[in-house]
Amino acid sequence: MNFGETNLFKLASHRLQWLSDRQRVLSENIANADTAEYRARDVESFQSYLLNAQGAETLPSAEVRETKTLWGEDLSGNNVVIEEQLMEASSTAGQYKLAAGLYRKAHQMMMSVAGG
């Protein structure tokens, strides 16, 4: 049985990479919340990431884009809203924990079926 080609594991790996990239970008937004003219950024959607990752030999990084915020910007031109970024970061952390748990359980299930 070839576990390397199992779509579940490939999809989970892509999801974990995308969530990791998103958490990094959100952390950069929070770190630059007081930087004049800094624009909030986010990564491409997961669906776009999957389309761009097709055929790649290694997991690519997600494309980073400027994001629109609902609150506008401050007088310095910065449009990062800390509360909004913290909510997104918390959501992303929860999604990462869920995806990692599912990956771990699927791996355990495969190993128990294989007798390992």
PDB file of N, CA and C in Angstrom:
ATOM      1  N   MET A   1       0.840  -1.178   0.000  1.00  0.00           N
ATOM      2  CA  MET A   1       0.000   0.000   0.000  1.00  0.00           C
ATOM      3  C   MET A   1       0.884   1.239   0.000  1.00  0.00           C
ATOM      4  N   ASN A   2       0.621   2.169  -0.901  1.00  0.00           N
ATOM      5  CA  ASN A   2       1.417   3.386  -1.027  1.00  0.00           C
ATOM      6  C   ASN A   2       0.742   4.530  -0.287  1.00  0.00           C
ATOM      7  N   PHE A   3       1.223   4.859   0.919  1.00  0.00           N
ATOM      8  CA  PHE A   3       0.625   5.919   1.726  1.00  0.00           C
ATOM      9  C   PHE A   3       0.966   7.304   1.185  1.00  0.00           C
ATOM     10  N   GLY A   4       2.058   7.424   0.417  1.00  0.00           N
ATOM     11  CA  GLY A   4       2.496   8.720  -0.080  1.00  0.00           C
ATOM     12  C   GLY A   4       1.524   9.335  -1.066  1.00  0.00           C
ATOM     13  N   GLU A   5       0.744   8.515  -1.748  1.00  0.00           N
ATOM     14  CA  GLU A   5      -0.181   9.030  -2.747  1.00  0.00           C
ATOM     15  C   GLU A   5      -1.606   9.198  -2.218  1.00  0.00           C
ATOM     16  N   THR A   6      -1.826   8.946  -0.916  1.00  0.00           N
ATOM     17  CA  THR A   6      -3.153   9.076  -0.341  1.00  0.00           C
ATOM     18  C   THR A   6      -3.578  10.534  -0.375  1.00  0.00           C
ATOM     19  N   ASN A   7      -4.664  10.823  -1.053  1.00  0.00           N
ATOM     20  CA  ASN A   7      -5.128  12.195  -1.217  1.00  0.00           C
ATOM     21  C   ASN A   7      -5.426  12.888   0.108  1.00  0.00           C
ATOM     22  N   LEU A   8      -5.911  12.148   1.087  1.00  0.00           N
ATOM     23  CA  LEU A   8      -6.214  12.723   2.386  1.00  0.00           C
ATOM     24  C   LEU A   8      -4.972  13.358   3.004  1.00  0.00           C
ATOM     25  N   PHE A   9      -3.861  12.646   2.934  1.00  0.00           N
ATOM     26  CA  PHE A   9      -2.631  13.171   3.531  1.00  0.00           C
ATOM     27  C   PHE A   9      -2.085  14.348   2.735  1.00  0.00           C
ATOM     28  N   LYS A  10      -2.208  14.300   1.430  1.00  0.00           N
ATOM     29  CA  LYS A  10      -1.743  15.407   0.599  1.00  0.00           C
ATOM     30  C   LYS A  10      -2.584  16.659   0.870  1.00  0.00           C
ATOM     31  N   LEU A  11      -3.877  16.479   0.937  1.00  0.00           N
ATOM     32  CA  LEU A  11      -4.773  17.600   1.206  1.00  0.00           C
ATOM     33  C   LEU A  11      -4.507  18.184   2.594  1.00  0.00           C
ATOM     34  N   ALA A  12      -4.317  17.318   3.578  1.00  0.00           N
ATOM     35  CA  ALA A  12      -4.037  17.785   4.933  1.00  0.00           C
ATOM     36  C   ALA A  12      -2.716  18.541   4.987  1.00  0.00           C
ATOM     37  N   SER A  13      -1.705  18.079   4.290  1.00  0.00           N
ATOM     38  CA  SER A  13      -0.417  18.767   4.252  1.00  0.00           C
ATOM     39  C   SER A  13      -0.558  20.154   3.639  1.00  0.00           C
ATOM     40  N   HIS A  14      -1.327  20.236   2.562  1.00  0.00           N
ATOM     41  CA  HIS A  14      -1.561  21.533   1.927  1.00  0.00           C
ATOM     42  C   HIS A  14      -2.319  22.474   2.873  1.00  0.00           C
ATOM     43  N   ARG A  15      -3.311  21.938   3.563  1.00  0.00           N
ATOM     44  CA  ARG A  15      -4.096  22.762   4.492  1.00  0.00           C
ATOM     45  C   ARG A  15      -3.214  23.282   5.616  1.00  0.00           C
ATOM     46  N   LEU A  16      -2.376  22.424   6.184  1.00  0.00           N
ATOM     47  CA  LEU A  16      -1.493  22.849   7.265  1.00  0.00           C
ATOM     48  C   LEU A  16      -0.499  23.906   6.795  1.00  0.00           C
ATOM     49  N   GLN A  17       0.033  23.756   5.588  1.00  0.00           N
ATOM     50  CA  GLN A  17       0.959  24.753   5.040  1.00  0.00           C
ATOM     51  C   GLN A  17       0.254  26.088   4.844  1.00  0.00           C
ATOM     52  N   TRP A  18      -0.945  26.056   4.281  1.00  0.00           N
ATOM     53  CA  TRP A  18      -1.711  27.281   4.038  1.00  0.00           C
ATOM     54  C   TRP A  18      -2.035  27.985   5.349  1.00  0.00           C
ATOM     55  N   LEU A  19      -2.463  27.226   6.356  1.00  0.00           N
ATOM     56  CA  LEU A  19      -2.782  27.814   7.658  1.00  0.00           C
ATOM     57  C   LEU A  19      -1.536  28.400   8.314  1.00  0.00           C
ATOM     58  N   SER A  20      -0.406  27.742   8.173  1.00  0.00           N
ATOM     59  CA  SER A  20       0.852  28.254   8.708  1.00  0.00           C
ATOM     60  C   SER A  20       1.228  29.577   8.042  1.00  0.00           C
ATOM     61  N   ASP A  21       1.098  29.626   6.721  1.00  0.00           N
ATOM     62  CA  ASP A  21       1.388  30.874   5.994  1.00  0.00           C
ATOM     63  C   ASP A  21       0.440  31.986   6.425  1.00  0.00           C
ATOM     64  N   ARG A  22      -0.826  31.652   6.607  1.00  0.00           N
ATOM     65  CA  ARG A  22      -1.807  32.668   7.010  1.00  0.00           C
ATOM     66  C   ARG A  22      -1.493  33.196   8.404  1.00  0.00           C
ATOM     67  N   GLN A  23      -1.126  32.309   9.313  1.00  0.00           N
ATOM     68  CA  GLN A  23      -0.807  32.748  10.678  1.00  0.00           C
ATOM     69  C   GLN A  23       0.410  33.676  10.671  1.00  0.00           C
ATOM     70  N   ARG A  24       1.385  33.382   9.834  1.00  0.00           N
ATOM     71  CA  ARG A  24       2.571  34.238   9.720  1.00  0.00           C
ATOM     72  C   ARG A  24       2.190  35.631   9.236  1.00  0.00           C
ATOM     73  N   VAL A  25       1.341  35.712   8.221  1.00  0.00           N
ATOM     74  CA  VAL A  25       0.924  37.007   7.673  1.00  0.00           C
ATOM     75  C   VAL A  25       0.106  37.793   8.695  1.00  0.00           C
ATOM     76  N   LEU A  26      -0.796  37.124   9.401  1.00  0.00           N
ATOM     77  CA  LEU A  26      -1.586  37.803  10.422  1.00  0.00           C
ATOM     78  C   LEU A  26      -0.699  38.321  11.549  1.00  0.00           C
ATOM     79  N   SER A  27       0.322  37.555  11.912  1.00  0.00           N
ATOM     80  CA  SER A  27       1.271  38.001  12.940  1.00  0.00           C
ATOM     81  C   SER A  27       2.039  39.236  12.483  1.00  0.00           C
ATOM     82  N   GLU A  28       2.401  39.269  11.200  1.00  0.00           N
ATOM     83  CA  GLU A  28       3.079  40.445  10.655  1.00  0.00           C
ATOM     84  C   GLU A  28       2.158  41.661  10.685  1.00  0.00           C
ATOM     85  N   ASN A  29       0.886  41.460  10.396  1.00  0.00           N
ATOM     86  CA  ASN A  29      -0.073  42.565  10.477  1.00  0.00           C
ATOM     87  C   ASN A  29      -0.138  43.130  11.887  1.00  0.00           C
ATOM     88  N   ILE A  30      -0.226  42.243  12.866  1.00  0.00           N
ATOM     89  CA  ILE A  30      -0.300  42.678  14.264  1.00  0.00           C
ATOM     90  C   ILE A  30       0.978  43.413  14.665  1.00  0.00           C
ATOM     91  N   ALA A  31       2.115  42.883  14.245  1.00  0.00           N
ATOM     92  CA  ALA A  31       3.397  43.510  14.585  1.00  0.00           C
ATOM     93  C   ALA A  31       3.538  44.898  13.962  1.00  0.00           C
ATOM     94  N   ASN A  32       2.874  45.133  12.838  1.00  0.00           N
ATOM     95  CA  ASN A  32       2.977  46.415  12.141  1.00  0.00           C
ATOM     96  C   ASN A  32       1.754  47.300  12.331  1.00  0.00           C
ATOM     97  N   ALA A  33       0.984  47.055  13.370  1.00  0.00           N
ATOM     98  CA  ALA A  33      -0.248  47.812  13.603  1.00  0.00           C
ATOM     99  C   ALA A  33       0.013  49.299  13.820  1.00  0.00           C
ATOM    100  N   ASP A  34       1.200  49.671  14.269  1.00  0.00           N
ATOM    101  CA  ASP A  34       1.534  51.083  14.501  1.00  0.00           C
ATOM    102  C   ASP A  34       2.474  51.650  13.445  1.00  0.00           C
ATOM    103  N   THR A  35       2.745  50.924  12.392  1.00  0.00           N
ATOM    104  CA  THR A  35       3.640  51.380  11.330  1.00  0.00           C
ATOM    105  C   THR A  35       2.850  52.240  10.343  1.00  0.00           C
ATOM    106  N   ALA A  36       3.327  53.443  10.124  1.00  0.00           N
ATOM    107  CA  ALA A  36       2.638  54.365   9.219  1.00  0.00           C
ATOM    108  C   ALA A  36       2.550  53.768   7.817  1.00  0.00           C
ATOM    109  N   GLU A  37       1.388  53.913   7.195  1.00  0.00           N
ATOM    110  CA  GLU A  37       1.093  53.491   5.829  1.00  0.00           C
ATOM    111  C   GLU A  37       1.176  51.976   5.600  1.00  0.00           C
ATOM    112  N   TYR A  38       1.269  51.196   6.667  1.00  0.00           N
ATOM    113  CA  TYR A  38       1.256  49.735   6.501  1.00  0.00           C
ATOM    114  C   TYR A  38      -0.150  49.309   6.126  1.00  0.00           C
ATOM    115  N   ARG A  39      -0.265  48.398   5.183  1.00  0.00           N
ATOM    116  CA  ARG A  39      -1.552  47.892   4.726  1.00  0.00           C
ATOM    117  C   ARG A  39      -1.719  46.447   5.183  1.00  0.00           C
ATOM    118  N   ALA A  40      -2.881  46.151   5.746  1.00  0.00           N
ATOM    119  CA  ALA A  40      -3.174  44.791   6.197  1.00  0.00           C
ATOM    120  C   ALA A  40      -3.119  43.832   5.008  1.00  0.00           C
ATOM    121  N   ARG A  41      -2.586  42.638   5.265  1.00  0.00           N
ATOM    122  CA  ARG A  41      -2.444  41.629   4.212  1.00  0.00           C
ATOM    123  C   ARG A  41      -3.058  40.319   4.683  1.00  0.00           C
ATOM    124  N   ASP A  42      -3.337  39.474   3.726  1.00  0.00           N
ATOM    125  CA  ASP A  42      -3.828  38.124   4.003  1.00  0.00           C
ATOM    126  C   ASP A  42      -3.359  37.238   2.865  1.00  0.00           C
ATOM    127  N   VAL A  43      -3.545  35.944   2.998  1.00  0.00           N
ATOM    128  CA  VAL A  43      -3.133  35.019   1.945  1.00  0.00           C
ATOM    129  C   VAL A  43      -4.319  34.743   1.030  1.00  0.00           C
ATOM    130  N   GLU A  44      -4.013  34.207  -0.146  1.00  0.00           N
ATOM    131  CA  GLU A  44      -5.052  33.809  -1.095  1.00  0.00           C
ATOM    132  C   GLU A  44      -5.967  32.785  -0.444  1.00  0.00           C
ATOM    133  N   SER A  45      -7.131  32.580  -1.009  1.00  0.00           N
ATOM    134  CA  SER A  45      -8.059  31.585  -0.470  1.00  0.00           C
ATOM    135  C   SER A  45      -7.437  30.189  -0.570  1.00  0.00           C
ATOM    136  N   PHE A  46      -7.925  29.285   0.251  1.00  0.00           N
ATOM    137  CA  PHE A  46      -7.392  27.928   0.243  1.00  0.00           C
ATOM    138  C   PHE A  46      -7.651  27.257  -1.100  1.00  0.00           C
ATOM    139  N   GLN A  47      -8.794  27.536  -1.706  1.00  0.00           N
ATOM    140  CA  GLN A  47      -9.106  26.952  -3.005  1.00  0.00           C
ATOM    141  C   GLN A  47      -8.100  27.421  -4.064  1.00  0.00           C
ATOM    142  N   SER A  48      -7.773  28.713  -4.057  1.00  0.00           N
ATOM    143  CA  SER A  48      -6.775  29.240  -4.998  1.00  0.00           C
ATOM    144  C   SER A  48      -5.410  28.615  -4.738  1.00  0.00           C
ATOM    145  N   TYR A  49      -5.095  28.443  -3.455  1.00  0.00           N
ATOM    146  CA  TYR A  49      -3.823  27.829  -3.086  1.00  0.00           C
ATOM    147  C   TYR A  49      -3.724  26.407  -3.643  1.00  0.00           C
ATOM    148  N   LEU A  50      -4.811  25.644  -3.508  1.00  0.00           N
ATOM    149  CA  LEU A  50      -4.803  24.266  -4.024  1.00  0.00           C
ATOM    150  C   LEU A  50      -4.616  24.241  -5.534  1.00  0.00           C
ATOM    151  N   LEU A  51      -5.275  25.146  -6.229  1.00  0.00           N
ATOM    152  CA  LEU A  51      -5.127  25.206  -7.689  1.00  0.00           C
ATOM    153  C   LEU A  51      -3.694  25.550  -8.075  1.00  0.00           C
ATOM    154  N   ASN A  52      -3.075  26.490  -7.358  1.00  0.00           N
ATOM    155  CA  ASN A  52      -1.695  26.890  -7.652  1.00  0.00           C
ATOM    156  C   ASN A  52      -0.686  25.806  -7.266  1.00  0.00           C
ATOM    157  N   ALA A  53      -1.048  24.963  -6.294  1.00  0.00           N
ATOM    158  CA  ALA A  53      -0.128  23.931  -5.814  1.00  0.00           C
ATOM    159  C   ALA A  53      -0.158  22.659  -6.651  1.00  0.00           C
ATOM    160  N   GLN A  54      -1.132  22.539  -7.558  1.00  0.00           N
ATOM    161  CA  GLN A  54      -1.227  21.328  -8.371  1.00  0.00           C
ATOM    162  C   GLN A  54       0.043  21.128  -9.191  1.00  0.00           C
ATOM    163  N   GLY A  55       0.571  19.950  -9.116  1.00  0.00           N
ATOM    164  CA  GLY A  55       1.748  19.606  -9.896  1.00  0.00           C
ATOM    165  C   GLY A  55       3.072  20.044  -9.281  1.00  0.00           C
ATOM    166  N   ALA A  56       3.034  20.797  -8.186  1.00  0.00           N
ATOM    167  CA  ALA A  56       4.273  21.234  -7.544  1.00  0.00           C
ATOM    168  C   ALA A  56       4.898  20.065  -6.791  1.00  0.00           C
ATOM    169  N   GLU A  57       6.213  19.977  -6.855  1.00  0.00           N
ATOM    170  CA  GLU A  57       6.909  18.884  -6.172  1.00  0.00           C
ATOM    171  C   GLU A  57       6.999  19.133  -4.668  1.00  0.00           C
ATOM    172  N   THR A  58       7.096  20.388  -4.265  1.00  0.00           N
ATOM    173  CA  THR A  58       7.138  20.734  -2.844  1.00  0.00           C
ATOM    174  C   THR A  58       5.954  21.637  -2.533  1.00  0.00           C
ATOM    175  N   LEU A  59       5.640  21.767  -1.261  1.00  0.00           N
ATOM    176  CA  LEU A  59       4.530  22.622  -0.861  1.00  0.00           C
ATOM    177  C   LEU A  59       4.916  24.083  -1.071  1.00  0.00           C
ATOM    178  N   PRO A  60       4.187  24.795  -1.914  1.00  0.00           N
ATOM    179  CA  PRO A  60       4.505  26.208  -2.124  1.00  0.00           C
ATOM    180  C   PRO A  60       3.973  27.063  -0.984  1.00  0.00           C
ATOM    181  N   SER A  61       4.481  28.270  -0.874  1.00  0.00           N
ATOM    182  CA  SER A  61       3.931  29.226   0.077  1.00  0.00           C
ATOM    183  C   SER A  61       2.705  29.873  -0.542  1.00  0.00           C
ATOM    184  N   ALA A  62       1.764  30.239   0.297  1.00  0.00           N
ATOM    185  CA  ALA A  62       0.551  30.890  -0.193  1.00  0.00           C
ATOM    186  C   ALA A  62       0.881  32.311  -0.649  1.00  0.00           C
ATOM    187  N   GLU A  63       0.187  32.749  -1.678  1.00  0.00           N
ATOM    188  CA  GLU A  63       0.381  34.096  -2.201  1.00  0.00           C
ATOM    189  C   GLU A  63      -0.211  35.113  -1.219  1.00  0.00           C
ATOM    190  N   VAL A  64       0.551  36.157  -0.917  1.00  0.00           N
ATOM    191  CA  VAL A  64       0.127  37.187   0.027  1.00  0.00           C
ATOM    192  C   VAL A  64      -0.431  38.367  -0.755  1.00  0.00           C
ATOM    193  N   ARG A  65      -1.577  38.870  -0.284  1.00  0.00           N
ATOM    194  CA  ARG A  65      -2.244  39.992  -0.948  1.00  0.00           C
ATOM    195  C   ARG A  65      -2.702  41.011   0.083  1.00  0.00           C
ATOM    196  N   GLU A  66      -2.838  42.253  -0.362  1.00  0.00           N
ATOM    197  CA  GLU A  66      -3.434  43.264   0.510  1.00  0.00           C
ATOM    198  C   GLU A  66      -4.896  42.909   0.701  1.00  0.00           C
ATOM    199  N   THR A  67      -5.397  43.118   1.900  1.00  0.00           N
ATOM    200  CA  THR A  67      -6.783  42.790   2.191  1.00  0.00           C
ATOM    201  C   THR A  67      -7.558  44.049   2.538  1.00  0.00           C
ATOM    202  N   LYS A  68      -8.833  43.995   2.293  1.00  0.00           N
ATOM    203  CA  LYS A  68      -9.688  45.129   2.641  1.00  0.00           C
ATOM    204  C   LYS A  68     -10.160  44.952   4.073  1.00  0.00           C
ATOM    205  N   THR A  69     -10.260  46.063   4.779  1.00  0.00           N
ATOM    206  CA  THR A  69     -10.764  46.023   6.148  1.00  0.00           C
ATOM    207  C   THR A  69     -12.055  46.825   6.212  1.00  0.00           C
ATOM    208  N   LEU A  70     -12.883  46.508   7.169  1.00  0.00           N
ATOM    209  CA  LEU A  70     -14.165  47.178   7.306  1.00  0.00           C
ATOM    210  C   LEU A  70     -14.050  48.518   8.027  1.00  0.00           C
ATOM    211  N   TRP A  71     -12.941  48.740   8.704  1.00  0.00           N
ATOM    212  CA  TRP A  71     -12.798  49.898   9.560  1.00  0.00           C
ATOM    213  C   TRP A  71     -12.109  51.085   8.900  1.00  0.00           C
ATOM    214  N   GLY A  72     -11.641  50.954   7.697  1.00  0.00           N
ATOM    215  CA  GLY A  72     -10.917  52.060   7.062  1.00  0.00           C
ATOM    216  C   GLY A  72      -9.484  52.112   7.547  1.00  0.00           C
ATOM    217  N   GLU A  73      -8.944  53.316   7.643  1.00  0.00           N
ATOM    218  CA  GLU A  73      -7.559  53.464   8.078  1.00  0.00           C
ATOM    219  C   GLU A  73      -7.442  54.624   9.040  1.00  0.00           C
ATOM    220  N   ASP A  74      -6.321  54.666   9.777  1.00  0.00           N
ATOM    221  CA  ASP A  74      -6.102  55.769  10.706  1.00  0.00           C
ATOM    222  C   ASP A  74      -5.423  56.932   9.978  1.00  0.00           C
ATOM    223  N   LEU A  75      -5.079  57.971  10.715  1.00  0.00           N
ATOM    224  CA  LEU A  75      -4.489  59.172  10.113  1.00  0.00           C
ATOM    225  C   LEU A  75      -3.121  58.923   9.490  1.00  0.00           C
ATOM    226  N   SER A  76      -2.424  57.881   9.941  1.00  0.00           N
ATOM    227  CA  SER A  76      -1.099  57.582   9.392  1.00  0.00           C
ATOM    228  C   SER A  76      -1.178  56.752   8.108  1.00  0.00           C
ATOM    229  N   GLY A  77      -2.381  56.331   7.718  1.00  0.00           N
ATOM    230  CA  GLY A  77      -2.540  55.516   6.523  1.00  0.00           C
ATOM    231  C   GLY A  77      -2.516  54.027   6.798  1.00  0.00           C
ATOM    232  N   ASN A  78      -2.408  53.627   8.054  1.00  0.00           N
ATOM    233  CA  ASN A  78      -2.388  52.226   8.441  1.00  0.00           C
ATOM    234  C   ASN A  78      -3.826  51.730   8.556  1.00  0.00           C
ATOM    235  N   ASN A  79      -4.133  50.575   7.956  1.00  0.00           N
ATOM    236  CA  ASN A  79      -5.497  50.060   8.029  1.00  0.00           C
ATOM    237  C   ASN A  79      -5.630  48.775   8.854  1.00  0.00           C
ATOM    238  N   VAL A  80      -4.626  48.469   9.688  1.00  0.00           N
ATOM    239  CA  VAL A  80      -4.671  47.270  10.532  1.00  0.00           C
ATOM    240  C   VAL A  80      -5.528  47.545  11.763  1.00  0.00           C
ATOM    241  N   VAL A  81      -6.502  46.686  12.005  1.00  0.00           N
ATOM    242  CA  VAL A  81      -7.332  46.763  13.207  1.00  0.00           C
ATOM    243  C   VAL A  81      -6.945  45.559  14.063  1.00  0.00           C
ATOM    244  N   ILE A  82      -6.336  45.839  15.214  1.00  0.00           N
ATOM    245  CA  ILE A  82      -5.804  44.776  16.083  1.00  0.00           C
ATOM    246  C   ILE A  82      -6.885  43.738  16.422  1.00  0.00           C
ATOM    247  N   GLU A  83      -8.056  44.192  16.823  1.00  0.00           N
ATOM    248  CA  GLU A  83      -9.112  43.266  17.221  1.00  0.00           C
ATOM    249  C   GLU A  83      -9.472  42.317  16.078  1.00  0.00           C
ATOM    250  N   GLU A  84      -9.584  42.855  14.879  1.00  0.00           N
ATOM    251  CA  GLU A  84      -9.909  42.043  13.715  1.00  0.00           C
ATOM    252  C   GLU A  84      -8.814  41.011  13.437  1.00  0.00           C
ATOM    253  N   GLN A  85      -7.566  41.438  13.523  1.00  0.00           N
ATOM    254  CA  GLN A  85      -6.444  40.538  13.272  1.00  0.00           C
ATOM    255  C   GLN A  85      -6.345  39.457  14.339  1.00  0.00           C
ATOM    256  N   LEU A  86      -6.612  39.813  15.601  1.00  0.00           N
ATOM    257  CA  LEU A  86      -6.572  38.826  16.674  1.00  0.00           C
ATOM    258  C   LEU A  86      -7.668  37.778  16.511  1.00  0.00           C
ATOM    259  N   MET A  87      -8.848  38.194  16.068  1.00  0.00           N
ATOM    260  CA  MET A  87      -9.931  37.235  15.826  1.00  0.00           C
ATOM    261  C   MET A  87      -9.558  36.288  14.688  1.00  0.00           C
ATOM    262  N   GLU A  88      -8.973  36.828  13.616  1.00  0.00           N
ATOM    263  CA  GLU A  88      -8.550  35.990  12.489  1.00  0.00           C
ATOM    264  C   GLU A  88      -7.436  35.025  12.917  1.00  0.00           C
ATOM    265  N   ALA A  89      -6.493  35.520  13.711  1.00  0.00           N
ATOM    266  CA  ALA A  89      -5.388  34.671  14.178  1.00  0.00           C
ATOM    267  C   ALA A  89      -5.906  33.549  15.074  1.00  0.00           C
ATOM    268  N   SER A  90      -6.863  33.865  15.931  1.00  0.00           N
ATOM    269  CA  SER A  90      -7.449  32.848  16.810  1.00  0.00           C
ATOM    270  C   SER A  90      -8.203  31.799  15.998  1.00  0.00           C
ATOM    271  N   SER A  91      -8.955  32.238  15.007  1.00  0.00           N
ATOM    272  CA  SER A  91      -9.676  31.315  14.134  1.00  0.00           C
ATOM    273  C   SER A  91      -8.709  30.409  13.375  1.00  0.00           C
ATOM    274  N   THR A  92      -7.636  30.991  12.865  1.00  0.00           N
ATOM    275  CA  THR A  92      -6.639  30.226  12.114  1.00  0.00           C
ATOM    276  C   THR A  92      -5.951  29.201  13.009  1.00  0.00           C
ATOM    277  N   ALA A  93      -5.648  29.586  14.254  1.00  0.00           N
ATOM    278  CA  ALA A  93      -5.022  28.652  15.193  1.00  0.00           C
ATOM    279  C   ALA A  93      -5.946  27.472  15.478  1.00  0.00           C
ATOM    280  N   GLY A  94      -7.238  27.740  15.633  1.00  0.00           N
ATOM    281  CA  GLY A  94      -8.196  26.659  15.854  1.00  0.00           C
ATOM    282  C   GLY A  94      -8.305  25.729  14.658  1.00  0.00           C
ATOM    283  N   GLN A  95      -8.306  26.310  13.463  1.00  0.00           N
ATOM    284  CA  GLN A  95      -8.353  25.496  12.242  1.00  0.00           C
ATOM    285  C   GLN A  95      -7.098  24.639  12.111  1.00  0.00           C
ATOM    286  N   TYR A  96      -5.948  25.198  12.485  1.00  0.00           N
ATOM    287  CA  TYR A  96      -4.693  24.444  12.420  1.00  0.00           C
ATOM    288  C   TYR A  96      -4.731  23.271  13.391  1.00  0.00           C
ATOM    289  N   LYS A  97      -5.217  23.536  14.595  1.00  0.00           N
ATOM    290  CA  LYS A  97      -5.299  22.473  15.607  1.00  0.00           C
ATOM    291  C   LYS A  97      -6.214  21.352  15.126  1.00  0.00           C
ATOM    292  N   LEU A  98      -7.350  21.710  14.530  1.00  0.00           N
ATOM    293  CA  LEU A  98      -8.278  20.717  14.002  1.00  0.00           C
ATOM    294  C   LEU A  98      -7.652  19.912  12.865  1.00  0.00           C
ATOM    295  N   ALA A  99      -7.026  20.584  11.913  1.00  0.00           N
ATOM    296  CA  ALA A  99      -6.411  19.899  10.774  1.00  0.00           C
ATOM    297  C   ALA A  99      -5.277  18.975  11.226  1.00  0.00           C
ATOM    298  N   ALA A 100      -4.466  19.440  12.179  1.00  0.00           N
ATOM    299  CA  ALA A 100      -3.373  18.607  12.680  1.00  0.00           C
ATOM    300  C   ALA A 100      -3.916  17.380  13.411  1.00  0.00           C
ATOM    301  N   GLY A 101      -4.993  17.565  14.161  1.00  0.00           N
ATOM    302  CA  GLY A 101      -5.606  16.439  14.858  1.00  0.00           C
ATOM    303  C   GLY A 101      -6.174  15.409  13.897  1.00  0.00           C
ATOM    304  N   LEU A 102      -6.833  15.885  12.845  1.00  0.00           N
ATOM    305  CA  LEU A 102      -7.370  14.964  11.837  1.00  0.00           C
ATOM    306  C   LEU A 102      -6.250  14.215  11.113  1.00  0.00           C
ATOM    307  N   TYR A 103      -5.178  14.918  10.799  1.00  0.00           N
ATOM    308  CA  TYR A 103      -4.026  14.300  10.143  1.00  0.00           C
ATOM    309  C   TYR A 103      -3.446  13.204  11.039  1.00  0.00           C
ATOM    310  N   ARG A 104      -3.278  13.534  12.326  1.00  0.00           N
ATOM    311  CA  ARG A 104      -2.715  12.567  13.279  1.00  0.00           C
ATOM    312  C   ARG A 104      -3.612  11.340  13.409  1.00  0.00           C
ATOM    313  N   LYS A 105      -4.924  11.552  13.506  1.00  0.00           N
ATOM    314  CA  LYS A 105      -5.853  10.422  13.648  1.00  0.00           C
ATOM    315  C   LYS A 105      -5.872   9.555  12.386  1.00  0.00           C
ATOM    316  N   ALA A 106      -5.836  10.186  11.222  1.00  0.00           N
ATOM    317  CA  ALA A 106      -5.803   9.413   9.973  1.00  0.00           C
ATOM    318  C   ALA A 106      -4.517   8.588   9.885  1.00  0.00           C
ATOM    319  N   HIS A 107      -3.426   9.169  10.326  1.00  0.00           N
ATOM    320  CA  HIS A 107      -2.145   8.435  10.317  1.00  0.00           C
ATOM    321  C   HIS A 107      -2.206   7.249  11.284  1.00  0.00           C
ATOM    322  N   GLN A 108      -2.770   7.480  12.478  1.00  0.00           N
ATOM    323  CA  GLN A 108      -2.902   6.387  13.438  1.00  0.00           C
ATOM    324  C   GLN A 108      -3.783   5.268  12.888  1.00  0.00           C
ATOM    325  N   MET A 109      -4.874   5.646  12.213  1.00  0.00           N
ATOM    326  CA  MET A 109      -5.776   4.661  11.639  1.00  0.00           C
ATOM    327  C   MET A 109      -5.056   3.835  10.556  1.00  0.00           C
ATOM    328  N   MET A 110      -4.302   4.512   9.695  1.00  0.00           N
ATOM    329  CA  MET A 110      -3.561   3.816   8.633  1.00  0.00           C
ATOM    330  C   MET A 110      -2.529   2.866   9.240  1.00  0.00           C
ATOM    331  N   MET A 111      -1.863   3.319  10.290  1.00  0.00           N
ATOM    332  CA  MET A 111      -0.845   2.468  10.921  1.00  0.00           C
ATOM    333  C   MET A 111      -1.494   1.255  11.608  1.00  0.00           C
ATOM    334  N   SER A 112      -2.659   1.435  12.203  1.00  0.00           N
ATOM    335  CA  SER A 112      -3.302   0.288  12.856  1.00  0.00           C
ATOM    336  C   SER A 112      -3.811  -0.719  11.816  1.00  0.00           C
ATOM    337  N   VAL A 113      -4.264  -0.227  10.672  1.00  0.00           N
ATOM    338  CA  VAL A 113      -4.700  -1.114   9.586  1.00  0.00           C
ATOM    339  C   VAL A 113      -3.494  -1.878   9.014  1.00  0.00           C
ATOM    340  N   ALA A 114      -2.357  -1.205   8.922  1.00  0.00           N
ATOM    341  CA  ALA A 114      -1.155  -1.816   8.378  1.00  0.00           C
ATOM    342  C   ALA A 114      -0.462  -2.733   9.391  1.00  0.00           C
ATOM    343  N   GLY A 115      -0.961  -2.718  10.642  1.00  0.00           N
ATOM    344  CA  GLY A 115      -0.397  -3.604  11.659  1.00  0.00           C
ATOM    345  C   GLY A 115       0.818  -3.013  12.360  1.00  0.00           C
ATOM    346  N   GLY A 116       0.975  -1.686  12.288  1.00  0.00           N
ATOM    347  CA  GLY A 116       2.132  -1.060  12.904  1.00  0.00           C
ATOM    348  C   GLY A 116       1.738  -0.314  14.100  1.00  0.00           C
TER     349      GLY A 116
END
